[in-house]
């Protein structure tokens, strides 16, 4: 109580908390599992390159309430 009201952020570029990011040990397996479960996935894992020379793969998806979530998996 009280029951939730309103709606989650709809776009990744909105002001405020746009999404919550979680670390993945196997981003490809997690992506495949979420996709197989019918989760709304917004992109395939995309490679990110950082200034320090490291890189990662990440993708965003929506939870059952429509909240934007992200998984990131760093490369060795």
PDB file of N, CA and C in Angstrom:
ATOM      1  N   UNK A   1       0.847  -1.184   0.000  1.00  0.00           N
ATOM      2  CA  UNK A   1       0.000   0.000   0.000  1.00  0.00           C
ATOM      3  C   UNK A   1       0.882   1.232   0.000  1.00  0.00           C
ATOM      4  N   UNK A   2       0.590   2.193  -0.751  1.00  0.00           N
ATOM      5  CA  UNK A   2      -0.397   2.222  -1.830  1.00  0.00           C
ATOM      6  C   UNK A   2       0.105   1.470  -3.054  1.00  0.00           C
ATOM      7  N   UNK A   3      -0.824   1.157  -3.954  1.00  0.00           N
ATOM      8  CA  UNK A   3      -0.471   0.471  -5.190  1.00  0.00           C
ATOM      9  C   UNK A   3       0.387   1.383  -6.060  1.00  0.00           C
ATOM     10  N   UNK A   4       1.304   0.795  -6.866  1.00  0.00           N
ATOM     11  CA  UNK A   4       2.144   1.603  -7.745  1.00  0.00           C
ATOM     12  C   UNK A   4       1.306   2.384  -8.760  1.00  0.00           C
ATOM     13  N   UNK A   5       1.825   3.528  -9.161  1.00  0.00           N
ATOM     14  CA  UNK A   5       1.167   4.310 -10.203  1.00  0.00           C
ATOM     15  C   UNK A   5       2.229   4.845 -11.149  1.00  0.00           C
ATOM     16  N   UNK A   6       1.810   5.362 -12.287  1.00  0.00           N
ATOM     17  CA  UNK A   6       2.757   5.889 -13.260  1.00  0.00           C
ATOM     18  C   UNK A   6       3.285   4.790 -14.157  1.00  0.00           C
ATOM     19  N   UNK A   7       4.345   5.134 -14.904  1.00  0.00           N
ATOM     20  CA  UNK A   7       4.934   4.165 -15.809  1.00  0.00           C
ATOM     21  C   UNK A   7       6.443   4.336 -15.820  1.00  0.00           C
ATOM     22  N   UNK A   8       7.183   3.279 -16.163  1.00  0.00           N
ATOM     23  CA  UNK A   8       8.637   3.382 -16.205  1.00  0.00           C
ATOM     24  C   UNK A   8       9.105   4.247 -17.376  1.00  0.00           C
ATOM     25  N   UNK A   9      10.357   4.660 -17.313  1.00  0.00           N
ATOM     26  CA  UNK A   9      10.974   5.424 -18.385  1.00  0.00           C
ATOM     27  C   UNK A   9      10.831   4.671 -19.692  1.00  0.00           C
ATOM     28  N   UNK A  10      10.500   5.384 -20.751  1.00  0.00           N
ATOM     29  CA  UNK A  10      10.287   4.743 -22.044  1.00  0.00           C
ATOM     30  C   UNK A  10      11.499   4.809 -22.969  1.00  0.00           C
ATOM     31  N   UNK A  11      12.394   5.793 -22.765  1.00  0.00           N
ATOM     32  CA  UNK A  11      13.534   5.968 -23.658  1.00  0.00           C
ATOM     33  C   UNK A  11      14.837   5.958 -22.869  1.00  0.00           C
ATOM     34  N   UNK A  12      15.885   5.458 -23.504  1.00  0.00           N
ATOM     35  CA  UNK A  12      17.182   5.363 -22.838  1.00  0.00           C
ATOM     36  C   UNK A  12      17.839   6.715 -22.608  1.00  0.00           C
ATOM     37  N   UNK A  13      17.390   7.759 -23.287  1.00  0.00           N
ATOM     38  CA  UNK A  13      18.043   9.060 -23.149  1.00  0.00           C
ATOM     39  C   UNK A  13      17.246  10.054 -22.301  1.00  0.00           C
ATOM     40  N   UNK A  14      16.271   9.605 -21.520  1.00  0.00           N
ATOM     41  CA  UNK A  14      15.515  10.497 -20.656  1.00  0.00           C
ATOM     42  C   UNK A  14      16.328  10.884 -19.431  1.00  0.00           C
ATOM     43  N   UNK A  15      16.047  12.065 -18.899  1.00  0.00           N
ATOM     44  CA  UNK A  15      16.722  12.555 -17.700  1.00  0.00           C
ATOM     45  C   UNK A  15      16.327  11.686 -16.507  1.00  0.00           C
ATOM     46  N   UNK A  16      17.255  11.519 -15.564  1.00  0.00           N
ATOM     47  CA  UNK A  16      16.986  10.712 -14.378  1.00  0.00           C
ATOM     48  C   UNK A  16      17.475   9.293 -14.568  1.00  0.00           C
ATOM     49  N   UNK A  17      17.028   8.398 -13.724  1.00  0.00           N
ATOM     50  CA  UNK A  17      17.429   7.002 -13.822  1.00  0.00           C
ATOM     51  C   UNK A  17      16.758   6.384 -15.043  1.00  0.00           C
ATOM     52  N   UNK A  18      17.559   6.122 -16.063  1.00  0.00           N
ATOM     53  CA  UNK A  18      17.008   5.577 -17.312  1.00  0.00           C
ATOM     54  C   UNK A  18      16.977   4.053 -17.298  1.00  0.00           C
ATOM     55  N   UNK A  19      18.000   3.441 -16.655  1.00  0.00           N
ATOM     56  CA  UNK A  19      18.052   1.985 -16.621  1.00  0.00           C
ATOM     57  C   UNK A  19      18.981   1.542 -15.510  1.00  0.00           C
ATOM     58  N   UNK A  20      18.865   0.290 -15.149  1.00  0.00           N
ATOM     59  CA  UNK A  20      19.703  -0.324 -14.139  1.00  0.00           C
ATOM     60  C   UNK A  20      20.539  -1.380 -14.836  1.00  0.00           C
ATOM     61  N   UNK A  21      21.848  -1.395 -14.583  1.00  0.00           N
ATOM     62  CA  UNK A  21      22.761  -2.298 -15.274  1.00  0.00           C
ATOM     63  C   UNK A  21      23.261  -3.385 -14.325  1.00  0.00           C
ATOM     64  N   UNK A  22      23.312  -4.606 -14.818  1.00  0.00           N
ATOM     65  CA  UNK A  22      23.798  -5.747 -14.059  1.00  0.00           C
ATOM     66  C   UNK A  22      24.963  -6.401 -14.787  1.00  0.00           C
ATOM     67  N   UNK A  23      25.910  -6.932 -14.040  1.00  0.00           N
ATOM     68  CA  UNK A  23      27.060  -7.651 -14.593  1.00  0.00           C
ATOM     69  C   UNK A  23      26.648  -9.061 -14.990  1.00  0.00           C
ATOM     70  N   UNK A  24      27.115  -9.501 -16.131  1.00  0.00           N
ATOM     71  CA  UNK A  24      26.851 -10.845 -16.628  1.00  0.00           C
ATOM     72  C   UNK A  24      28.170 -11.596 -16.784  1.00  0.00           C
ATOM     73  N   UNK A  25      28.211 -12.826 -16.298  1.00  0.00           N
ATOM     74  CA  UNK A  25      29.392 -13.665 -16.497  1.00  0.00           C
ATOM     75  C   UNK A  25      29.409 -14.267 -17.897  1.00  0.00           C
ATOM     76  N   UNK A  26      28.233 -14.429 -18.515  1.00  0.00           N
ATOM     77  CA  UNK A  26      28.126 -14.983 -19.871  1.00  0.00           C
ATOM     78  C   UNK A  26      26.994 -14.265 -20.591  1.00  0.00           C
ATOM     79  N   UNK A  27      27.323 -13.132 -21.183  1.00  0.00           N
ATOM     80  CA  UNK A  27      26.295 -12.279 -21.788  1.00  0.00           C
ATOM     81  C   UNK A  27      25.564 -12.967 -22.930  1.00  0.00           C
ATOM     82  N   UNK A  28      26.287 -13.810 -23.673  1.00  0.00           N
ATOM     83  CA  UNK A  28      25.657 -14.500 -24.810  1.00  0.00           C
ATOM     84  C   UNK A  28      24.622 -15.513 -24.331  1.00  0.00           C
ATOM     85  N   UNK A  29      24.937 -16.260 -23.286  1.00  0.00           N
ATOM     86  CA  UNK A  29      23.979 -17.227 -22.737  1.00  0.00           C
ATOM     87  C   UNK A  29      22.789 -16.511 -22.110  1.00  0.00           C
ATOM     88  N   UNK A  30      23.056 -15.420 -21.395  1.00  0.00           N
ATOM     89  CA  UNK A  30      21.958 -14.655 -20.775  1.00  0.00           C
ATOM     90  C   UNK A  30      21.044 -14.064 -21.846  1.00  0.00           C
ATOM     91  N   UNK A  31      21.624 -13.531 -22.910  1.00  0.00           N
ATOM     92  CA  UNK A  31      20.829 -12.973 -24.013  1.00  0.00           C
ATOM     93  C   UNK A  31      19.947 -14.062 -24.633  1.00  0.00           C
ATOM     94  N   UNK A  32      20.538 -15.219 -24.901  1.00  0.00           N
ATOM     95  CA  UNK A  32      19.785 -16.321 -25.504  1.00  0.00           C
ATOM     96  C   UNK A  32      18.649 -16.787 -24.599  1.00  0.00           C
ATOM     97  N   UNK A  33      18.908 -16.878 -23.298  1.00  0.00           N
ATOM     98  CA  UNK A  33      17.884 -17.327 -22.357  1.00  0.00           C
ATOM     99  C   UNK A  33      16.734 -16.327 -22.270  1.00  0.00           C
ATOM    100  N   UNK A  34      17.052 -15.040 -22.158  1.00  0.00           N
ATOM    101  CA  UNK A  34      16.008 -14.016 -22.100  1.00  0.00           C
ATOM    102  C   UNK A  34      15.179 -14.015 -23.381  1.00  0.00           C
ATOM    103  N   UNK A  35      15.842 -14.125 -24.508  1.00  0.00           N
ATOM    104  CA  UNK A  35      15.154 -14.152 -25.799  1.00  0.00           C
ATOM    105  C   UNK A  35      14.227 -15.365 -25.888  1.00  0.00           C
ATOM    106  N   UNK A  36      14.720 -16.522 -25.471  1.00  0.00           N
ATOM    107  CA  UNK A  36      13.911 -17.755 -25.498  1.00  0.00           C
ATOM    108  C   UNK A  36      12.696 -17.650 -24.574  1.00  0.00           C
ATOM    109  N   UNK A  37      12.833 -16.880 -23.501  1.00  0.00           N
ATOM    110  CA  UNK A  37      11.731 -16.694 -22.550  1.00  0.00           C
ATOM    111  C   UNK A  37      10.736 -15.628 -23.004  1.00  0.00           C
ATOM    112  N   UNK A  38      10.984 -15.010 -24.166  1.00  0.00           N
ATOM    113  CA  UNK A  38      10.051 -14.025 -24.701  1.00  0.00           C
ATOM    114  C   UNK A  38      10.199 -12.630 -24.120  1.00  0.00           C
ATOM    115  N   UNK A  39      11.334 -12.362 -23.472  1.00  0.00           N
ATOM    116  CA  UNK A  39      11.578 -11.038 -22.900  1.00  0.00           C
ATOM    117  C   UNK A  39      11.775 -10.030 -24.031  1.00  0.00           C
ATOM    118  N   UNK A  40      11.264  -8.811 -23.850  1.00  0.00           N
ATOM    119  CA  UNK A  40      11.441  -7.751 -24.848  1.00  0.00           C
ATOM    120  C   UNK A  40      12.886  -7.267 -24.806  1.00  0.00           C
ATOM    121  N   UNK A  41      13.670  -7.669 -25.786  1.00  0.00           N
ATOM    122  CA  UNK A  41      15.079  -7.287 -25.873  1.00  0.00           C
ATOM    123  C   UNK A  41      15.189  -6.166 -26.902  1.00  0.00           C
ATOM    124  N   UNK A  42      15.911  -5.109 -26.539  1.00  0.00           N
ATOM    125  CA  UNK A  42      15.990  -3.927 -27.395  1.00  0.00           C
ATOM    126  C   UNK A  42      17.129  -3.973 -28.397  1.00  0.00           C
ATOM    127  N   UNK A  43      18.114  -4.868 -28.203  1.00  0.00           N
ATOM    128  CA  UNK A  43      19.210  -4.984 -29.165  1.00  0.00           C
ATOM    129  C   UNK A  43      19.969  -6.274 -28.919  1.00  0.00           C
ATOM    130  N   UNK A  44      20.742  -6.648 -29.900  1.00  0.00           N
ATOM    131  CA  UNK A  44      21.700  -7.730 -29.716  1.00  0.00           C
ATOM    132  C   UNK A  44      22.838  -7.179 -28.848  1.00  0.00           C
ATOM    133  N   UNK A  45      23.645  -8.033 -28.214  1.00  0.00           N
ATOM    134  CA  UNK A  45      24.799  -7.519 -27.483  1.00  0.00           C
ATOM    135  C   UNK A  45      25.692  -6.681 -28.396  1.00  0.00           C
ATOM    136  N   UNK A  46      26.018  -5.495 -27.937  1.00  0.00           N
ATOM    137  CA  UNK A  46      26.819  -4.542 -28.707  1.00  0.00           C
ATOM    138  C   UNK A  46      28.166  -4.361 -28.027  1.00  0.00           C
ATOM    139  N   UNK A  47      29.233  -4.373 -28.827  1.00  0.00           N
ATOM    140  CA  UNK A  47      30.590  -4.219 -28.271  1.00  0.00           C
ATOM    141  C   UNK A  47      30.842  -2.764 -27.907  1.00  0.00           C
ATOM    142  N   UNK A  48      31.333  -2.550 -26.690  1.00  0.00           N
ATOM    143  CA  UNK A  48      31.703  -1.227 -26.193  1.00  0.00           C
ATOM    144  C   UNK A  48      33.211  -1.208 -25.994  1.00  0.00           C
ATOM    145  N   UNK A  49      33.862  -0.167 -26.457  1.00  0.00           N
ATOM    146  CA  UNK A  49      35.304  -0.026 -26.267  1.00  0.00           C
ATOM    147  C   UNK A  49      35.567   1.187 -25.391  1.00  0.00           C
ATOM    148  N   UNK A  50      36.411   1.011 -24.382  1.00  0.00           N
ATOM    149  CA  UNK A  50      36.692   2.066 -23.422  1.00  0.00           C
ATOM    150  C   UNK A  50      38.069   2.673 -23.658  1.00  0.00           C
ATOM    151  N   UNK A  51      38.267   3.885 -23.152  1.00  0.00           N
ATOM    152  CA  UNK A  51      39.506   4.641 -23.366  1.00  0.00           C
ATOM    153  C   UNK A  51      40.737   3.907 -22.848  1.00  0.00           C
ATOM    154  N   UNK A  52      40.576   3.069 -21.831  1.00  0.00           N
ATOM    155  CA  UNK A  52      41.723   2.362 -21.254  1.00  0.00           C
ATOM    156  C   UNK A  52      42.095   1.099 -22.028  1.00  0.00           C
ATOM    157  N   UNK A  53      41.412   0.860 -23.160  1.00  0.00           N
ATOM    158  CA  UNK A  53      41.713  -0.304 -23.991  1.00  0.00           C
ATOM    159  C   UNK A  53      40.874  -1.526 -23.679  1.00  0.00           C
ATOM    160  N   UNK A  54      40.101  -1.513 -22.605  1.00  0.00           N
ATOM    161  CA  UNK A  54      39.244  -2.648 -22.288  1.00  0.00           C
ATOM    162  C   UNK A  54      37.959  -2.567 -23.111  1.00  0.00           C
ATOM    163  N   UNK A  55      37.228  -3.657 -23.136  1.00  0.00           N
ATOM    164  CA  UNK A  55      35.974  -3.679 -23.884  1.00  0.00           C
ATOM    165  C   UNK A  55      34.969  -4.595 -23.196  1.00  0.00           C
ATOM    166  N   UNK A  56      33.721  -4.460 -23.612  1.00  0.00           N
ATOM    167  CA  UNK A  56      32.631  -5.242 -23.043  1.00  0.00           C
ATOM    168  C   UNK A  56      31.537  -5.363 -24.086  1.00  0.00           C
ATOM    169  N   UNK A  57      30.600  -6.260 -23.840  1.00  0.00           N
ATOM    170  CA  UNK A  57      29.387  -6.350 -24.627  1.00  0.00           C
ATOM    171  C   UNK A  57      28.219  -6.026 -23.703  1.00  0.00           C
ATOM    172  N   UNK A  58      27.213  -5.329 -24.233  1.00  0.00           N
ATOM    173  CA  UNK A  58      26.052  -4.956 -23.427  1.00  0.00           C
ATOM    174  C   UNK A  58      24.792  -4.965 -24.283  1.00  0.00           C
ATOM    175  N   UNK A  59      23.659  -5.176 -23.634  1.00  0.00           N
ATOM    176  CA  UNK A  59      22.366  -5.037 -24.305  1.00  0.00           C
ATOM    177  C   UNK A  59      21.319  -4.644 -23.273  1.00  0.00           C
ATOM    178  N   UNK A  60      20.257  -4.011 -23.761  1.00  0.00           N
ATOM    179  CA  UNK A  60      19.158  -3.568 -22.894  1.00  0.00           C
ATOM    180  C   UNK A  60      17.906  -4.385 -23.180  1.00  0.00           C
ATOM    181  N   UNK A  61      17.066  -4.496 -22.163  1.00  0.00           N
ATOM    182  CA  UNK A  61      15.809  -5.221 -22.282  1.00  0.00           C
ATOM    183  C   UNK A  61      14.841  -4.664 -21.252  1.00  0.00           C
ATOM    184  N   UNK A  62      13.596  -5.087 -21.307  1.00  0.00           N
ATOM    185  CA  UNK A  62      12.577  -4.615 -20.360  1.00  0.00           C
ATOM    186  C   UNK A  62      12.163  -5.747 -19.424  1.00  0.00           C
ATOM    187  N   UNK A  63      11.954  -5.394 -18.147  1.00  0.00           N
ATOM    188  CA  UNK A  63      11.431  -6.374 -17.201  1.00  0.00           C
ATOM    189  C   UNK A  63       9.911  -6.461 -17.390  1.00  0.00           C
ATOM    190  N   UNK A  64       9.211  -7.337 -16.669  1.00  0.00           N
ATOM    191  CA  UNK A  64       7.765  -7.482 -16.869  1.00  0.00           C
ATOM    192  C   UNK A  64       6.962  -6.197 -16.628  1.00  0.00           C
ATOM    193  N   UNK A  65       7.496  -5.253 -15.838  1.00  0.00           N
ATOM    194  CA  UNK A  65       6.810  -3.983 -15.607  1.00  0.00           C
ATOM    195  C   UNK A  65       7.152  -2.938 -16.658  1.00  0.00           C
ATOM    196  N   UNK A  66       8.075  -3.254 -17.568  1.00  0.00           N
ATOM    197  CA  UNK A  66       8.475  -2.314 -18.602  1.00  0.00           C
ATOM    198  C   UNK A  66       9.704  -1.487 -18.250  1.00  0.00           C
ATOM    199  N   UNK A  67      10.303  -1.747 -17.088  1.00  0.00           N
ATOM    200  CA  UNK A  67      11.500  -1.023 -16.674  1.00  0.00           C
ATOM    201  C   UNK A  67      12.681  -1.435 -17.542  1.00  0.00           C
ATOM    202  N   UNK A  68      13.472  -0.457 -17.961  1.00  0.00           N
ATOM    203  CA  UNK A  68      14.651  -0.748 -18.774  1.00  0.00           C
ATOM    204  C   UNK A  68      15.790  -1.282 -17.918  1.00  0.00           C
ATOM    205  N   UNK A  69      16.340  -2.418 -18.319  1.00  0.00           N
ATOM    206  CA  UNK A  69      17.453  -3.050 -17.646  1.00  0.00           C
ATOM    207  C   UNK A  69      18.577  -3.288 -18.665  1.00  0.00           C
ATOM    208  N   UNK A  70      19.786  -3.410 -18.171  1.00  0.00           N
ATOM    209  CA  UNK A  70      20.928  -3.645 -19.051  1.00  0.00           C
ATOM    210  C   UNK A  70      21.811  -4.734 -18.456  1.00  0.00           C
ATOM    211  N   UNK A  71      22.364  -5.559 -19.312  1.00  0.00           N
ATOM    212  CA  UNK A  71      23.390  -6.518 -18.902  1.00  0.00           C
ATOM    213  C   UNK A  71      24.687  -6.135 -19.594  1.00  0.00           C
ATOM    214  N   UNK A  72      25.798  -6.234 -18.863  1.00  0.00           N
ATOM    215  CA  UNK A  72      27.117  -5.953 -19.437  1.00  0.00           C
ATOM    216  C   UNK A  72      28.059  -7.079 -19.039  1.00  0.00           C
ATOM    217  N   UNK A  73      28.829  -7.527 -20.001  1.00  0.00           N
ATOM    218  CA  UNK A  73      29.820  -8.572 -19.772  1.00  0.00           C
ATOM    219  C   UNK A  73      31.165  -8.121 -20.302  1.00  0.00           C
ATOM    220  N   UNK A  74      32.149  -8.045 -19.437  1.00  0.00           N
ATOM    221  CA  UNK A  74      33.472  -7.580 -19.824  1.00  0.00           C
ATOM    222  C   UNK A  74      34.277  -8.692 -20.462  1.00  0.00           C
ATOM    223  N   UNK A  75      35.069  -8.338 -21.473  1.00  0.00           N
ATOM    224  CA  UNK A  75      35.915  -9.309 -22.148  1.00  0.00           C
ATOM    225  C   UNK A  75      37.194  -9.489 -21.339  1.00  0.00           C
ATOM    226  N   UNK A  76      37.805 -10.646 -21.474  1.00  0.00           N
ATOM    227  CA  UNK A  76      39.056 -10.927 -20.758  1.00  0.00           C
ATOM    228  C   UNK A  76      40.219 -10.200 -21.374  1.00  0.00           C
TER     229      UNK A  76
END
